[in-house]
Each structure stands twice: as structure tokens, then as C-alpha cells.
PDB file of N, CA and C in Angstrom:
ATOM      1  N   MET A   1      21.994  29.576  -8.144  1.00  0.00           N
ATOM      2  CA  MET A   1      22.337  28.158  -7.885  1.00  0.00           C
ATOM      3  C   MET A   1      21.821  27.042  -7.140  1.00  0.00           C
ATOM      4  N   ARG A   2      22.258  28.449  -6.016  1.00  0.00           N
ATOM      5  CA  ARG A   2      22.042  26.644  -4.440  1.00  0.00           C
ATOM      6  C   ARG A   2      20.457  26.608  -4.513  1.00  0.00           C
ATOM      7  N   LEU A   3      19.993  28.083  -4.359  1.00  0.00           N
ATOM      8  CA  LEU A   3      18.265  28.024  -4.181  1.00  0.00           C
ATOM      9  C   LEU A   3      17.442  26.726  -5.189  1.00  0.00           C
ATOM     10  N   GLN A   4      18.289  26.536  -6.129  1.00  0.00           N
ATOM     11  CA  GLN A   4      17.200  25.480  -6.870  1.00  0.00           C
ATOM     12  C   GLN A   4      18.087  24.669  -6.277  1.00  0.00           C
ATOM     13  N   HIS A   5      18.767  23.985  -6.331  1.00  0.00           N
ATOM     14  CA  HIS A   5      19.379  22.645  -5.418  1.00  0.00           C
ATOM     15  C   HIS A   5      18.260  21.991  -4.589  1.00  0.00           C
ATOM     16  N   SER A   6      18.179  23.481  -3.304  1.00  0.00           N
ATOM     17  CA  SER A   6      16.821  23.351  -2.355  1.00  0.00           C
ATOM     18  C   SER A   6      16.031  23.030  -2.531  1.00  0.00           C
ATOM     19  N   ILE A   7      15.524  23.841  -3.429  1.00  0.00           N
ATOM     20  CA  ILE A   7      14.430  23.963  -3.798  1.00  0.00           C
ATOM     21  C   ILE A   7      14.047  22.319  -4.548  1.00  0.00           C
ATOM     22  N   LEU A   8      14.623  21.784  -5.068  1.00  0.00           N
ATOM     23  CA  LEU A   8      14.474  20.531  -5.901  1.00  0.00           C
ATOM     24  C   LEU A   8      14.445  19.259  -4.955  1.00  0.00           C
ATOM     25  N   ALA A   9      15.673  19.554  -3.485  1.00  0.00           N
ATOM     26  CA  ALA A   9      15.693  19.260  -2.659  1.00  0.00           C
ATOM     27  C   ALA A   9      14.422  18.777  -1.664  1.00  0.00           C
ATOM     28  N   VAL A  10      13.856  19.801  -1.567  1.00  0.00           N
ATOM     29  CA  VAL A  10      12.915  19.564  -0.687  1.00  0.00           C
ATOM     30  C   VAL A  10      11.670  18.749  -1.096  1.00  0.00           C
ATOM     31  N   SER A  11      11.348  19.276  -2.454  1.00  0.00           N
ATOM     32  CA  SER A  11      10.594  18.663  -3.619  1.00  0.00           C
ATOM     33  C   SER A  11      10.771  17.423  -3.469  1.00  0.00           C
ATOM     34  N   ALA A  12      11.496  16.980  -3.563  1.00  0.00           N
ATOM     35  CA  ALA A  12      12.391  15.220  -3.612  1.00  0.00           C
ATOM     36  C   ALA A  12      11.763  14.617  -2.504  1.00  0.00           C
ATOM     37  N   VAL A  13      11.891  14.775  -1.033  1.00  0.00           N
ATOM     38  CA  VAL A  13      11.206  14.775   0.158  1.00  0.00           C
ATOM     39  C   VAL A  13      10.436  15.028  -0.197  1.00  0.00           C
ATOM     40  N   ALA A  14       9.266  16.004   0.208  1.00  0.00           N
ATOM     41  CA  ALA A  14       7.831  16.231   0.265  1.00  0.00           C
ATOM     42  C   ALA A  14       7.088  14.619  -0.445  1.00  0.00           C
ATOM     43  N   ILE A  15       7.582  14.764  -1.813  1.00  0.00           N
ATOM     44  CA  ILE A  15       7.138  13.919  -2.730  1.00  0.00           C
ATOM     45  C   ILE A  15       7.544  12.521  -2.087  1.00  0.00           C
ATOM     46  N   GLY A  16       8.931  12.163  -1.652  1.00  0.00           N
ATOM     47  CA  GLY A  16       9.142  10.722  -1.088  1.00  0.00           C
ATOM     48  C   GLY A  16       8.481  10.500   0.392  1.00  0.00           C
ATOM     49  N   ALA A  17       7.735  11.936   1.499  1.00  0.00           N
ATOM     50  CA  ALA A  17       7.369  11.634   2.185  1.00  0.00           C
ATOM     51  C   ALA A  17       5.834  11.110   1.619  1.00  0.00           C
ATOM     52  N   LEU A  18       5.168  11.544   0.885  1.00  0.00           N
ATOM     53  CA  LEU A  18       3.843  11.718   0.067  1.00  0.00           C
ATOM     54  C   LEU A  18       4.000  10.698  -0.501  1.00  0.00           C
ATOM     55  N   ALA A  19       4.688   9.741  -0.979  1.00  0.00           N
ATOM     56  CA  ALA A  19       4.650   8.598  -1.307  1.00  0.00           C
ATOM     57  C   ALA A  19       4.297   7.367   0.000  1.00  0.00           C
ATOM     58  N   ILE A  20       5.131   7.225   1.033  1.00  0.00           N
ATOM     59  CA  ILE A  20       5.201   6.442   2.377  1.00  0.00           C
ATOM     60  C   ILE A  20       4.025   6.883   2.993  1.00  0.00           C
ATOM     61  N   VAL A  21       3.750   8.321   2.243  1.00  0.00           N
ATOM     62  CA  VAL A  21       1.919   8.420   3.590  1.00  0.00           C
ATOM     63  C   VAL A  21       1.162   7.362   2.722  1.00  0.00           C
ATOM     64  N   GLU A  22       1.153   7.731   1.386  1.00  0.00           N
ATOM     65  CA  GLU A  22       0.208   6.864   0.501  1.00  0.00           C
ATOM     66  C   GLU A  22      -0.119   5.101   0.189  1.00  0.00           C
ATOM     67  N   ALA A  23       1.942   4.743   0.383  1.00  0.00           N
ATOM     68  CA  ALA A  23       1.737   3.609   0.729  1.00  0.00           C
ATOM     69  C   ALA A  23       0.893   3.062   1.693  1.00  0.00           C
ATOM     70  N   GLY A  24       1.244   3.661   3.017  1.00  0.00           N
ATOM     71  CA  GLY A  24       0.660   3.064   4.127  1.00  0.00           C
ATOM     72  C   GLY A  24      -1.247   3.042   3.790  1.00  0.00           C
ATOM     73  N   ARG A  25      -1.228   3.810   3.468  1.00  0.00           N
ATOM     74  CA  ARG A  25      -2.706   3.310   3.206  1.00  0.00           C
ATOM     75  C   ARG A  25      -2.699   1.934   2.136  1.00  0.00           C
ATOM     76  N   LEU A  26      -2.316   1.705   1.460  1.00  0.00           N
ATOM     77  CA  LEU A  26      -2.192   0.624   0.803  1.00  0.00           C
ATOM     78  C   LEU A  26      -3.514  -1.158   1.773  1.00  0.00           C
ATOM     79  N   HIS A  27      -3.042  -0.777   2.850  1.00  0.00           N
ATOM     80  CA  HIS A  27      -2.753  -1.682   3.620  1.00  0.00           C
ATOM     81  C   HIS A  27      -3.957  -1.201   4.232  1.00  0.00           C
ATOM     82  N   PRO A  28      -4.500  -2.382   4.200  1.00  0.00           N
ATOM     83  CA  PRO A  28      -5.917  -2.091   4.810  1.00  0.00           C
ATOM     84  C   PRO A  28      -5.767  -2.040   7.008  1.00  0.00           C
ATOM     85  N   SER A  29      -5.426  -3.053   7.218  1.00  0.00           N
ATOM     86  CA  SER A  29      -5.511  -2.933   8.444  1.00  0.00           C
ATOM     87  C   SER A  29      -4.012  -2.419   9.213  1.00  0.00           C
ATOM     88  N   ALA A  30      -3.380  -0.923   7.991  1.00  0.00           N
ATOM     89  CA  ALA A  30      -2.665  -0.282   8.668  1.00  0.00           C
ATOM     90  C   ALA A  30      -2.852   0.604   9.546  1.00  0.00           C
ATOM     91  N   GLU A  31      -2.576   0.900  10.779  1.00  0.00           N
ATOM     92  CA  GLU A  31      -2.226   2.486  12.232  1.00  0.00           C
ATOM     93  C   GLU A  31      -2.417   3.781  11.255  1.00  0.00           C
ATOM     94  N   ALA A  32      -2.738   3.772  11.404  1.00  0.00           N
ATOM     95  CA  ALA A  32      -1.790   5.736  11.190  1.00  0.00           C
ATOM     96  C   ALA A  32      -1.459   6.037  11.784  1.00  0.00           C
ATOM     97  N   GLY A  33       0.123   6.120  11.778  1.00  0.00           N
ATOM     98  CA  GLY A  33       1.149   7.073  12.458  1.00  0.00           C
ATOM     99  C   GLY A  33       2.139   7.354  12.368  1.00  0.00           C
ATOM    100  N   THR A  34       3.573   7.798  12.274  1.00  0.00           N
ATOM    101  CA  THR A  34       4.064   8.405  11.967  1.00  0.00           C
ATOM    102  C   THR A  34       5.562   7.656  11.014  1.00  0.00           C
ATOM    103  N   ALA A  35       5.245   8.482  10.294  1.00  0.00           N
ATOM    104  CA  ALA A  35       6.843   7.346   9.351  1.00  0.00           C
ATOM    105  C   ALA A  35       7.672   9.008   8.773  1.00  0.00           C
ATOM    106  N   SER A  36       8.995   8.703   8.964  1.00  0.00           N
ATOM    107  CA  SER A  36       9.903   9.553   9.110  1.00  0.00           C
ATOM    108  C   SER A  36      11.108   9.819   8.025  1.00  0.00           C
ATOM    109  N   MET A  37      11.912  10.050   7.582  1.00  0.00           N
ATOM    110  CA  MET A  37      13.177   9.877   7.080  1.00  0.00           C
ATOM    111  C   MET A  37      14.195  10.746   6.400  1.00  0.00           C
ATOM    112  N   GLY A  38      15.180  10.353   6.092  1.00  0.00           N
ATOM    113  CA  GLY A  38      16.415  11.374   6.635  1.00  0.00           C
ATOM    114  C   GLY A  38      17.145  11.568   5.033  1.00  0.00           C
ATOM    115  N   ILE A  39      17.472  12.722   4.482  1.00  0.00           N
ATOM    116  CA  ILE A  39      18.605  12.519   3.199  1.00  0.00           C
ATOM    117  C   ILE A  39      18.968  14.337   2.755  1.00  0.00           C
ATOM    118  N   GLY A  40      20.283  14.010   3.291  1.00  0.00           N
ATOM    119  CA  GLY A  40      20.724  15.222   2.507  1.00  0.00           C
ATOM    120  C   GLY A  40      20.735  16.344   2.570  1.00  0.00           C
ATOM    121  N   GLY A  41      20.514  16.386   4.570  1.00  0.00           N
ATOM    122  CA  GLY A  41      20.218  17.468   5.080  1.00  0.00           C
ATOM    123  C   GLY A  41      19.131  17.628   4.712  1.00  0.00           C
ATOM    124  N   PHE A  42      17.730  16.679   5.120  1.00  0.00           N
ATOM    125  CA  PHE A  42      16.249  16.588   5.000  1.00  0.00           C
ATOM    126  C   PHE A  42      15.881  15.598   5.800  1.00  0.00           C
ATOM    127  N   THR A  43      15.265  16.658   6.958  1.00  0.00           N
ATOM    128  CA  THR A  43      14.662  14.970   7.594  1.00  0.00           C
ATOM    129  C   THR A  43      12.967  15.341   7.300  1.00  0.00           C
ATOM    130  N   ALA A  44      11.663  14.362   6.661  1.00  0.00           N
ATOM    131  CA  ALA A  44      10.550  14.565   6.645  1.00  0.00           C
ATOM    132  C   ALA A  44       9.903  13.545   7.078  1.00  0.00           C
ATOM    133  N   ILE A  45       9.054  14.613   8.035  1.00  0.00           N
ATOM    134  CA  ILE A  45       8.265  13.123   9.260  1.00  0.00           C
ATOM    135  C   ILE A  45       6.957  13.873   8.905  1.00  0.00           C
ATOM    136  N   THR A  46       5.900  12.573   8.534  1.00  0.00           N
ATOM    137  CA  THR A  46       4.632  12.678   8.280  1.00  0.00           C
ATOM    138  C   THR A  46       3.902  12.430  10.376  1.00  0.00           C
ATOM    139  N   ALA A  47       2.351  13.261  10.476  1.00  0.00           N
ATOM    140  CA  ALA A  47       1.959  13.316  11.445  1.00  0.00           C
ATOM    141  C   ALA A  47       0.276  12.932  11.277  1.00  0.00           C
ATOM    142  N   SER A  48      -0.308  12.420  12.255  1.00  0.00           N
ATOM    143  CA  SER A  48      -1.943  13.107  11.537  1.00  0.00           C
ATOM    144  C   SER A  48      -2.396  13.921  12.912  1.00  0.00           C
ATOM    145  N   THR A  49      -3.349  15.111  12.250  1.00  0.00           N
ATOM    146  CA  THR A  49      -3.813  16.131  12.661  1.00  0.00           C
ATOM    147  C   THR A  49      -4.516  15.470  13.386  1.00  0.00           C
ATOM    148  N   GLY A  50      -5.295  15.264  14.109  1.00  0.00           N
ATOM    149  CA  GLY A  50      -6.661  14.479  14.216  1.00  0.00           C
ATOM    150  C   GLY A  50      -7.838  14.054  14.309  1.00  0.00           C
ATOM    151  N   THR A  51      -7.542  14.713  12.843  1.00  0.00           N
ATOM    152  CA  THR A  51      -9.066  14.751  12.272  1.00  0.00           C
ATOM    153  C   THR A  51      -9.010  14.202  10.976  1.00  0.00           C
ATOM    154  N   GLY A  52     -10.594  14.532  10.951  1.00  0.00           N
ATOM    155  CA  GLY A  52     -10.370  13.278   9.362  1.00  0.00           C
ATOM    156  C   GLY A  52     -11.235  11.430   9.937  1.00  0.00           C
ATOM    157  N   PRO A  53     -11.744  10.773   8.880  1.00  0.00           N
ATOM    158  CA  PRO A  53     -12.255   9.383   9.342  1.00  0.00           C
ATOM    159  C   PRO A  53     -10.855   8.433   9.774  1.00  0.00           C
ATOM    160  N   ASP A  54     -11.085   7.690  11.314  1.00  0.00           N
ATOM    161  CA  ASP A  54     -10.283   7.018  11.751  1.00  0.00           C
ATOM    162  C   ASP A  54      -9.282   5.578  10.397  1.00  0.00           C
ATOM    163  N   ASN A  55      -9.788   5.358   9.337  1.00  0.00           N
ATOM    164  CA  ASN A  55      -9.157   4.751   8.630  1.00  0.00           C
ATOM    165  C   ASN A  55      -9.034   5.774   7.375  1.00  0.00           C
ATOM    166  N   SER A  56      -8.901   6.550   7.438  1.00  0.00           N
ATOM    167  CA  SER A  56      -8.303   7.654   6.268  1.00  0.00           C
ATOM    168  C   SER A  56      -8.354   9.027   7.452  1.00  0.00           C
ATOM    169  N   PRO A  57      -7.290   9.746   8.045  1.00  0.00           N
ATOM    170  CA  PRO A  57      -6.850  10.489   8.699  1.00  0.00           C
ATOM    171  C   PRO A  57      -6.446  11.458   8.038  1.00  0.00           C
ATOM    172  N   VAL A  58      -6.338  12.820   8.127  1.00  0.00           N
ATOM    173  CA  VAL A  58      -6.033  14.026   7.240  1.00  0.00           C
ATOM    174  C   VAL A  58      -4.235  14.362   8.146  1.00  0.00           C
ATOM    175  N   GLU A  59      -3.308  14.077   7.238  1.00  0.00           N
ATOM    176  CA  GLU A  59      -1.803  14.392   8.207  1.00  0.00           C
ATOM    177  C   GLU A  59      -1.374  15.195   7.590  1.00  0.00           C
ATOM    178  N   VAL A  60      -0.292  15.718   8.305  1.00  0.00           N
ATOM    179  CA  VAL A  60       0.519  16.730   7.871  1.00  0.00           C
ATOM    180  C   VAL A  60       2.581  16.393   7.026  1.00  0.00           C
ATOM    181  N   LEU A  61       2.319  17.161   6.676  1.00  0.00           N
ATOM    182  CA  LEU A  61       4.182  16.832   6.301  1.00  0.00           C
ATOM    183  C   LEU A  61       5.490  17.377   7.588  1.00  0.00           C
ATOM    184  N   TYR A  62       5.694  17.328   8.065  1.00  0.00           N
ATOM    185  CA  TYR A  62       6.989  18.562   8.088  1.00  0.00           C
ATOM    186  C   TYR A  62       8.277  17.867   8.130  1.00  0.00           C
ATOM    187  N   VAL A  63       8.583  19.002   7.472  1.00  0.00           N
ATOM    188  CA  VAL A  63       9.815  18.564   6.154  1.00  0.00           C
ATOM    189  C   VAL A  63      10.974  19.687   7.246  1.00  0.00           C
ATOM    190  N   ILE A  64      11.576  19.388   7.714  1.00  0.00           N
ATOM    191  CA  ILE A  64      13.086  19.821   8.571  1.00  0.00           C
ATOM    192  C   ILE A  64      14.480  20.068   7.063  1.00  0.00           C
ATOM    193  N   ASP A  65      14.676  21.194   7.797  1.00  0.00           N
ATOM    194  CA  ASP A  65      16.206  21.307   6.849  1.00  0.00           C
ATOM    195  C   ASP A  65      17.262  21.901   7.612  1.00  0.00           C
ATOM    196  N   ASN A  66      18.203  21.061   7.682  1.00  0.00           N
ATOM    197  CA  ASN A  66      19.396  20.986   8.330  1.00  0.00           C
ATOM    198  C   ASN A  66      20.317  21.833   7.684  1.00  0.00           C
ATOM    199  N   ARG A  67      19.899  22.043   6.682  1.00  0.00           N
ATOM    200  CA  ARG A  67      21.513  23.524   6.378  1.00  0.00           C
ATOM    201  C   ARG A  67      20.837  24.822   6.381  1.00  0.00           C
ATOM    202  N   GLY A  68      19.221  24.886   5.704  1.00  0.00           N
ATOM    203  CA  GLY A  68      19.183  26.344   6.130  1.00  0.00           C
ATOM    204  C   GLY A  68      18.215  26.603   7.296  1.00  0.00           C
ATOM    205  N   GLU A  69      18.007  25.621   8.211  1.00  0.00           N
ATOM    206  CA  GLU A  69      17.777  26.272   9.652  1.00  0.00           C
ATOM    207  C   GLU A  69      15.799  25.723   9.293  1.00  0.00           C
ATOM    208  N   SER A  70      15.657  25.547   8.864  1.00  0.00           N
ATOM    209  CA  SER A  70      14.361  25.959   8.865  1.00  0.00           C
ATOM    210  C   SER A  70      13.306  24.221   9.070  1.00  0.00           C
ATOM    211  N   LEU A  71      11.850  24.472   9.341  1.00  0.00           N
ATOM    212  CA  LEU A  71      10.339  23.873   9.391  1.00  0.00           C
ATOM    213  C   LEU A  71       9.511  24.262   7.854  1.00  0.00           C
ATOM    214  N   LEU A  72       9.386  23.668   7.432  1.00  0.00           N
ATOM    215  CA  LEU A  72       8.534  23.835   6.962  1.00  0.00           C
ATOM    216  C   LEU A  72       7.459  22.640   7.098  1.00  0.00           C
ATOM    217  N   VAL A  73       5.731  23.376   6.902  1.00  0.00           N
ATOM    218  CA  VAL A  73       4.511  22.145   7.009  1.00  0.00           C
ATOM    219  C   VAL A  73       3.781  21.858   5.573  1.00  0.00           C
ATOM    220  N   TYR A  74       3.488  20.908   5.141  1.00  0.00           N
ATOM    221  CA  TYR A  74       2.665  21.044   3.671  1.00  0.00           C
ATOM    222  C   TYR A  74       1.659  19.948   3.848  1.00  0.00           C
ATOM    223  N   GLY A  75       0.553  20.222   3.500  1.00  0.00           N
ATOM    224  CA  GLY A  75      -1.020  19.099   4.157  1.00  0.00           C
ATOM    225  C   GLY A  75      -1.459  19.337   2.602  1.00  0.00           C
ATOM    226  N   VAL A  76      -2.816  18.368   2.718  1.00  0.00           N
ATOM    227  CA  VAL A  76      -4.093  19.182   1.691  1.00  0.00           C
ATOM    228  C   VAL A  76      -4.951  19.204   2.218  1.00  0.00           C
ATOM    229  N   GLU A  77      -5.117  20.538   1.296  1.00  0.00           N
ATOM    230  CA  GLU A  77      -5.744  21.501   1.785  1.00  0.00           C
ATOM    231  C   GLU A  77      -7.621  21.204   1.867  1.00  0.00           C
ATOM    232  N   THR A  78      -7.941  19.792   0.552  1.00  0.00           N
ATOM    233  CA  THR A  78      -9.481  19.697   0.523  1.00  0.00           C
ATOM    234  C   THR A  78      -8.513  18.142   0.592  1.00  0.00           C
ATOM    235  N   GLN A  79      -9.354  17.074   1.257  1.00  0.00           N
ATOM    236  CA  GLN A  79      -9.137  15.147   1.466  1.00  0.00           C
ATOM    237  C   GLN A  79      -9.663  15.680  -0.586  1.00  0.00           C
ATOM    238  N   LEU A  80     -11.179  15.568  -1.290  1.00  0.00           N
ATOM    239  CA  LEU A  80     -11.222  15.785  -2.917  1.00  0.00           C
ATOM    240  C   LEU A  80      -9.590  15.962  -4.020  1.00  0.00           C
ATOM    241  N   ASP A  81      -9.207  17.357  -3.379  1.00  0.00           N
ATOM    242  CA  ASP A  81      -8.281  17.581  -4.186  1.00  0.00           C
ATOM    243  C   ASP A  81      -6.902  17.113  -3.792  1.00  0.00           C
ATOM    244  N   ARG A  82      -6.798  16.716  -3.278  1.00  0.00           N
ATOM    245  CA  ARG A  82      -5.632  15.836  -3.094  1.00  0.00           C
ATOM    246  C   ARG A  82      -3.911  16.506  -3.426  1.00  0.00           C
ATOM    247  N   ARG A  83      -4.078  17.415  -3.350  1.00  0.00           N
ATOM    248  CA  ARG A  83      -2.766  18.337  -3.949  1.00  0.00           C
ATOM    249  C   ARG A  83      -2.894  19.236  -2.686  1.00  0.00           C
ATOM    250  N   MET A  84      -0.818  18.436  -2.326  1.00  0.00           N
ATOM    251  CA  MET A  84      -0.087  19.009  -1.162  1.00  0.00           C
ATOM    252  C   MET A  84       1.074  21.118  -1.201  1.00  0.00           C
ATOM    253  N   VAL A  85      -0.208  21.202  -0.247  1.00  0.00           N
ATOM    254  CA  VAL A  85       0.108  22.894  -0.110  1.00  0.00           C
ATOM    255  C   VAL A  85       1.195  22.939   0.762  1.00  0.00           C
ATOM    256  N   LEU A  86       1.976  24.542   0.771  1.00  0.00           N
ATOM    257  CA  LEU A  86       2.970  24.814   2.141  1.00  0.00           C
ATOM    258  C   LEU A  86       1.607  25.303   2.847  1.00  0.00           C
ATOM    259  N   LEU A  87       1.860  24.547   3.870  1.00  0.00           N
ATOM    260  CA  LEU A  87       0.607  25.752   4.966  1.00  0.00           C
ATOM    261  C   LEU A  87       1.689  26.764   5.579  1.00  0.00           C
ATOM    262  N   GLY A  88       2.806  26.164   5.890  1.00  0.00           N
ATOM    263  CA  GLY A  88       3.859  27.976   6.829  1.00  0.00           C
ATOM    264  C   GLY A  88       5.209  27.420   7.101  1.00  0.00           C
ATOM    265  N   GLY A  89       5.965  27.469   7.297  1.00  0.00           N
ATOM    266  CA  GLY A  89       7.339  27.387   7.860  1.00  0.00           C
ATOM    267  C   GLY A  89       7.551  28.142   8.851  1.00  0.00           C
ATOM    268  N   ALA A  90       9.221  28.138   9.497  1.00  0.00           N
ATOM    269  CA  ALA A  90       9.213  29.228  10.829  1.00  0.00           C
ATOM    270  C   ALA A  90      10.631  28.226  10.962  1.00  0.00           C
ATOM    271  N   SER A  91      11.766  29.957  10.681  1.00  0.00           N
ATOM    272  CA  SER A  91      13.381  29.430  11.413  1.00  0.00           C
ATOM    273  C   SER A  91      13.542  28.042  12.661  1.00  0.00           C
ATOM    274  N   LEU A  92      14.069  27.636  12.418  1.00  0.00           N
ATOM    275  CA  LEU A  92      14.557  26.793  13.712  1.00  0.00           C
ATOM    276  C   LEU A  92      14.874  27.556  14.821  1.00  0.00           C
ATOM    277  N   PRO A  93      16.303  27.894  14.409  1.00  0.00           N
ATOM    278  CA  PRO A  93      16.827  29.283  16.015  1.00  0.00           C
ATOM    279  C   PRO A  93      15.900  29.514  16.793  1.00  0.00           C
ATOM    280  N   VAL A  94      14.208  30.357  15.904  1.00  0.00           N
ATOM    281  CA  VAL A  94      13.539  31.534  16.662  1.00  0.00           C
ATOM    282  C   VAL A  94      12.688  30.700  16.916  1.00  0.00           C
ATOM    283  N   LEU A  95      12.030  29.495  16.495  1.00  0.00           N
ATOM    284  CA  LEU A  95      11.355  28.840  17.675  1.00  0.00           C
ATOM    285  C   LEU A  95      11.828  28.087  18.857  1.00  0.00           C
ATOM    286  N   PHE A  96      12.673  28.089  18.534  1.00  0.00           N
ATOM    287  CA  PHE A  96      13.995  27.390  19.811  1.00  0.00           C
ATOM    288  C   PHE A  96      14.268  28.207  20.541  1.00  0.00           C
ATOM    289  N   ARG A  97      13.926  29.466  20.215  1.00  0.00           N
ATOM    290  CA  ARG A  97      14.557  30.911  21.264  1.00  0.00           C
ATOM    291  C   ARG A  97      13.388  31.198  22.081  1.00  0.00           C
ATOM    292  N   VAL A  98      11.937  30.772  20.759  1.00  0.00           N
ATOM    293  CA  VAL A  98      10.647  31.254  21.796  1.00  0.00           C
ATOM    294  C   VAL A  98      10.574  30.581  22.769  1.00  0.00           C
ATOM    295  N   GLY A  99      10.848  29.071  22.181  1.00  0.00           N
ATOM    296  CA  GLY A  99      10.154  27.703  23.080  1.00  0.00           C
ATOM    297  C   GLY A  99      11.400  28.020  24.542  1.00  0.00           C
ATOM    298  N   ARG A 100      12.399  28.320  24.309  1.00  0.00           N
ATOM    299  CA  ARG A 100      13.293  28.821  25.999  1.00  0.00           C
ATOM    300  C   ARG A 100      12.826  30.387  26.070  1.00  0.00           C
ATOM    301  N   GLY A 101      11.817  30.711  25.990  1.00  0.00           N
ATOM    302  CA  GLY A 101      11.295  32.432  26.675  1.00  0.00           C
ATOM    303  C   GLY A 101      11.679  33.055  26.283  1.00  0.00           C
ATOM    304  N   GLY A 102      12.858  33.290  25.583  1.00  0.00           N
ATOM    305  CA  GLY A 102      13.831  34.512  24.896  1.00  0.00           C
ATOM    306  C   GLY A 102      12.965  35.002  23.852  1.00  0.00           C
TER     307      GLY A 102
END
């Protein structure tokens, strides 16, 4: 049951972050930047990958699950398709351990 709630919460955060990204594209003079939000133990952050045209850069969505101590990365495989897919994920404790040289 807990897994179902986690999946639902991650999906809700991903959809919310996607809404932020898309809303940012409504204003033509808006600059591509970073947007973040946190809800129920999840933090979502969008960031440009540095690719794509200046007026519509390719962005990824980082979702941090504070309870499960994991990082998930979502993105759009092709600009024409516009579907978000899971690009990868990792355990936060492992990432920090590797970052510290351990």
C-alpha cells in the first residue's frame, strides 16, 4: 500500500513540475531558469540541459524523495513526442558517499 502512495506522490510532483515548466513557456519574454517546489517529502527541480533552441531549451525534472532517500530524473525523449519518461535514478546516500570519495 505504501508503494502505491509513493508512486502516486511522485507522479503528482512530476505533473506539478511539468505544469510549472509549461506555464513558464506561456510568457514569451520569460527566461529559461530553474523552478522548484516541495510537497509531502518530495522536492521537484527543473533545469535546462544546455541543449535546444534558446526560446525552448530542453529541460529535465529532478525529483528528490526525502523519505526513500532517492533521486529520480525525468525528461522528454523527443521534443515532438512531449512525453515525460524516467531517465534514471539513484540512491542519495550512495551518491553522497561516492561524492565524498568513499
